[in-house]
Amino acid sequence: MFVRSLSDVEKTEYFVEWGAGTSHRLLTERDGFGYTICHTVVRAGTESLLQYRNHLEACYCIVGYGEVEDSEGNIYSIRPGDMYALDRHDLHYLRGGKDTDLVLVSVFNPPLNGTERHKLDSASGSAY
């Protein structure tokens, strides 16, 4: 058994500034669980075009508000208690709230190595 806190992760390379927020990679490939758990902050007023081509992702909102838009233009409001799952390596827009950050618990399968960073300047979306 082990315990790892946000403050522990902030002292390592597993605290990632991903372009529109931060990600504390709490559980990664090195831990051998077969999945990753992150504490993800999406900054208020940001929009990111993302796609996880090598991972499936599920997110659970714990604080704040935001939205996810799928490739067909469907927009889903996300608020505390909501979960969304990207089960088909979905291209999507992730947006922080107008005036508030969106805070998520994100789970990736297979696990991230933990140091991946988005490149948000790609017209086809950031992918890893």
Protein backbone atom coordinates (compact mmCIF):
# COMPACT_ATOMS: atom_id res chain seq x y z
CA MET A 1 0.00 0.00 0.00
CA PHE A 2 1.06 3.59 -0.56
CA VAL A 3 -0.39 7.06 -0.18
CA ARG A 4 0.36 9.91 -2.58
CA SER A 5 -0.91 13.48 -2.21
CA LEU A 6 -1.28 16.38 -4.62
CA SER A 7 1.57 18.13 -2.81
CA ASP A 8 3.79 15.04 -3.27
CA VAL A 9 3.14 15.05 -7.02
CA GLU A 10 3.81 18.80 -7.32
CA LYS A 11 7.46 18.12 -6.45
CA THR A 12 7.88 15.74 -9.41
CA GLU A 13 7.74 15.61 -13.20
CA TYR A 14 4.26 14.08 -12.80
CA PHE A 15 2.77 17.52 -12.13
CA VAL A 16 2.05 18.63 -15.67
CA GLU A 17 1.05 22.01 -17.07
CA TRP A 18 -0.88 20.83 -20.14
CA GLY A 19 -1.65 24.16 -21.79
CA ALA A 20 -5.15 24.96 -20.49
CA GLY A 21 -4.68 23.74 -16.95
CA THR A 22 -2.76 21.31 -14.78
CA SER A 23 -2.72 17.59 -14.19
CA HIS A 24 -1.48 15.82 -11.07
CA ARG A 25 -0.65 12.33 -12.35
CA LEU A 26 -1.37 10.51 -9.09
CA LEU A 27 -1.18 6.93 -10.37
CA THR A 28 0.80 6.13 -13.53
CA GLU A 29 2.23 3.26 -15.52
CA ARG A 30 5.21 2.96 -13.15
CA ASP A 31 2.82 1.99 -10.33
CA GLY A 32 1.69 -1.17 -12.15
CA PHE A 33 -2.09 -0.84 -11.68
CA GLY A 34 -2.95 -0.89 -15.39
CA TYR A 35 -4.63 2.55 -15.36
CA THR A 36 -3.86 6.17 -14.50
CA ILE A 37 -5.65 8.49 -12.08
CA CYS A 38 -5.20 12.25 -12.43
CA HIS A 39 -6.48 15.33 -10.64
CA THR A 40 -7.12 17.60 -13.64
CA VAL A 41 -7.83 21.32 -13.62
CA VAL A 42 -9.27 22.95 -16.75
CA ARG A 43 -8.87 26.70 -16.40
CA ALA A 44 -11.90 28.98 -16.67
CA GLY A 45 -12.42 30.42 -20.14
CA THR A 46 -10.20 27.89 -21.95
CA GLU A 47 -11.04 25.61 -24.87
CA SER A 48 -8.89 22.68 -25.97
CA LEU A 49 -9.31 20.33 -28.92
CA LEU A 50 -8.18 16.92 -27.66
CA GLN A 51 -8.07 13.30 -28.73
CA TYR A 52 -6.57 10.33 -26.91
CA ARG A 53 -5.64 7.95 -29.71
CA ASN A 54 -3.90 5.45 -27.45
CA HIS A 55 -6.02 5.69 -24.30
CA LEU A 56 -9.62 5.58 -23.17
CA GLU A 57 -10.53 8.28 -20.64
CA ALA A 58 -13.32 8.75 -18.13
CA CYS A 59 -13.68 11.96 -16.10
CA TYR A 60 -15.67 12.71 -12.97
CA CYS A 61 -16.31 16.34 -12.06
CA ILE A 62 -15.63 17.19 -8.41
CA VAL A 63 -15.64 21.02 -8.51
CA GLY A 64 -16.64 23.80 -10.90
CA TYR A 65 -18.31 23.82 -14.26
CA GLY A 66 -17.42 23.33 -17.90
CA GLU A 67 -18.45 21.46 -21.01
CA VAL A 68 -17.44 18.80 -23.48
CA GLU A 69 -18.34 18.97 -27.18
CA ASP A 70 -18.15 15.87 -29.36
CA SER A 71 -17.18 15.75 -33.04
CA GLU A 72 -20.86 15.93 -34.07
CA GLY A 73 -21.37 19.25 -32.25
CA ASN A 74 -23.26 17.85 -29.25
CA ILE A 75 -22.44 19.92 -26.18
CA TYR A 76 -22.64 18.43 -22.70
CA SER A 77 -22.57 20.65 -19.62
CA ILE A 78 -20.37 19.20 -16.90
CA ARG A 79 -20.90 20.04 -13.22
CA PRO A 80 -20.07 18.38 -9.89
CA GLY A 81 -21.34 14.81 -9.82
CA ASP A 82 -21.23 14.37 -13.63
CA MET A 83 -19.05 11.83 -15.42
CA TYR A 84 -18.18 11.61 -19.10
CA ALA A 85 -16.38 8.80 -20.89
CA LEU A 86 -14.43 8.96 -24.14
CA ASP A 87 -14.94 5.35 -25.15
CA ARG A 88 -14.02 5.58 -28.84
CA HIS A 89 -10.86 7.70 -28.73
CA ASP A 90 -13.24 10.61 -29.36
CA LEU A 91 -12.06 13.92 -30.77
CA HIS A 92 -13.59 16.52 -28.44
CA TYR A 93 -13.46 20.06 -27.17
CA LEU A 94 -12.96 20.46 -23.44
CA ARG A 95 -13.91 23.83 -21.99
CA GLY A 96 -13.48 25.33 -18.56
CA GLY A 97 -16.40 27.30 -17.18
CA LYS A 98 -16.94 30.90 -18.16
CA ASP A 99 -15.89 32.16 -14.72
CA THR A 100 -14.79 29.03 -12.89
CA ASP A 101 -12.29 26.23 -13.31
CA LEU A 102 -13.48 22.71 -14.05
CA VAL A 103 -11.85 20.17 -11.72
CA LEU A 104 -11.94 16.51 -12.71
CA VAL A 105 -10.73 13.13 -11.57
CA SER A 106 -9.51 11.58 -14.84
CA VAL A 107 -8.88 7.88 -15.37
CA PHE A 108 -6.87 6.59 -18.36
CA ASN A 109 -6.58 3.06 -19.69
CA PRO A 110 -3.98 1.93 -20.60
CA PRO A 111 -1.99 4.00 -18.12
CA LEU A 112 -0.07 7.14 -19.00
CA ASN A 113 3.66 7.16 -18.44
CA GLY A 114 2.81 10.36 -16.56
CA THR A 115 4.85 13.04 -18.30
CA GLU A 116 2.81 13.46 -21.50
CA ARG A 117 1.92 17.03 -22.44
CA HIS A 118 -0.63 18.38 -24.89
CA LYS A 119 0.30 20.43 -27.94
CA LEU A 120 -2.75 22.64 -28.23
CA ASP A 121 -1.63 24.43 -31.41
CA SER A 122 -2.52 21.48 -33.68
CA ALA A 123 -5.55 22.02 -35.94
CA SER A 124 -6.35 18.29 -35.66
CA GLY A 125 -6.31 18.34 -31.86
CA SER A 126 -3.71 17.41 -29.31
CA ALA A 127 -3.20 13.68 -29.10
CA TYR A 128 -1.13 11.13 -27.23
